[in-house]
Amino acid sequence: MNKREWLIAAVLTFITIISWVVFDIIHTQQEVEIPSQVQEVLEPLDPNFNTQVLKSLP
């Protein structure tokens, strides 16, 4: 390959990488709606541990 072919390959690679980054940024900025069933599952757990249940076990 001569210098001109290397330059063309480098420019095309640069354009591809820049396009990939831009499209990835656009894709991640789109808002995703989470279904209500999933939100119920994702609610935080109660951090208080019920020791009475352990005491009642045989």
Protein backbone atom coordinates (compact mmCIF):
# COMPACT_ATOMS: atom_id res chain seq x y z
CA MET A 1 0.00 0.00 0.00
CA ASN A 2 1.22 3.44 -0.79
CA LYS A 3 0.76 6.53 1.39
CA ARG A 4 -2.46 7.60 -0.32
CA GLU A 5 -4.13 4.24 0.33
CA TRP A 6 -3.05 4.38 4.00
CA LEU A 7 -4.50 7.87 4.28
CA ILE A 8 -7.83 6.78 2.80
CA ALA A 9 -7.97 3.79 5.14
CA ALA A 10 -7.15 6.00 8.14
CA VAL A 11 -9.79 8.58 7.22
CA LEU A 12 -12.47 5.92 6.70
CA THR A 13 -11.55 4.30 10.02
CA PHE A 14 -11.74 7.68 11.78
CA ILE A 15 -15.16 8.42 10.25
CA THR A 16 -16.39 4.97 11.28
CA ILE A 17 -15.24 5.41 14.88
CA ILE A 18 -16.73 8.91 15.16
CA SER A 19 -20.04 7.69 13.70
CA TRP A 20 -20.08 4.75 16.11
CA VAL A 21 -19.53 7.05 19.11
CA VAL A 22 -22.19 9.55 17.99
CA PHE A 23 -24.81 6.86 17.36
CA ASP A 24 -24.00 5.23 20.70
CA ILE A 25 -24.48 8.56 22.51
CA ILE A 26 -27.78 9.12 20.73
CA HIS A 27 -28.91 5.59 21.57
CA THR A 28 -28.08 5.91 25.27
CA GLN A 29 -29.83 9.27 25.61
CA GLN A 30 -33.16 7.90 24.47
CA GLU A 31 -35.54 7.48 27.37
CA VAL A 32 -36.60 3.94 28.14
CA GLU A 33 -39.89 3.34 29.91
CA ILE A 34 -39.84 0.60 32.52
CA PRO A 35 -43.05 -1.44 32.82
CA SER A 36 -44.93 -1.17 36.13
CA GLN A 37 -44.44 -4.89 36.90
CA VAL A 38 -40.68 -4.50 36.69
CA GLN A 39 -40.75 -1.36 38.84
CA GLU A 40 -42.59 -3.27 41.58
CA VAL A 41 -39.88 -5.91 41.58
CA LEU A 42 -37.14 -3.28 41.64
CA GLU A 43 -38.47 -1.50 44.74
CA PRO A 44 -35.91 -1.46 47.55
CA LEU A 45 -36.10 -4.08 50.26
CA ASP A 46 -36.64 -3.22 53.91
CA PRO A 47 -33.14 -3.05 55.46
CA ASN A 48 -34.47 -3.87 58.95
CA PHE A 49 -33.98 -7.54 59.75
CA ASN A 50 -36.82 -9.23 61.62
CA THR A 51 -35.09 -11.15 64.43
CA GLN A 52 -38.40 -12.33 65.89
CA VAL A 53 -38.80 -14.73 62.99
CA LEU A 54 -35.43 -16.30 63.76
CA LYS A 55 -36.27 -16.63 67.45
CA SER A 56 -39.52 -18.42 66.64
CA LEU A 57 -37.74 -21.09 64.60
CA PRO A 58 -36.99 -24.40 66.40
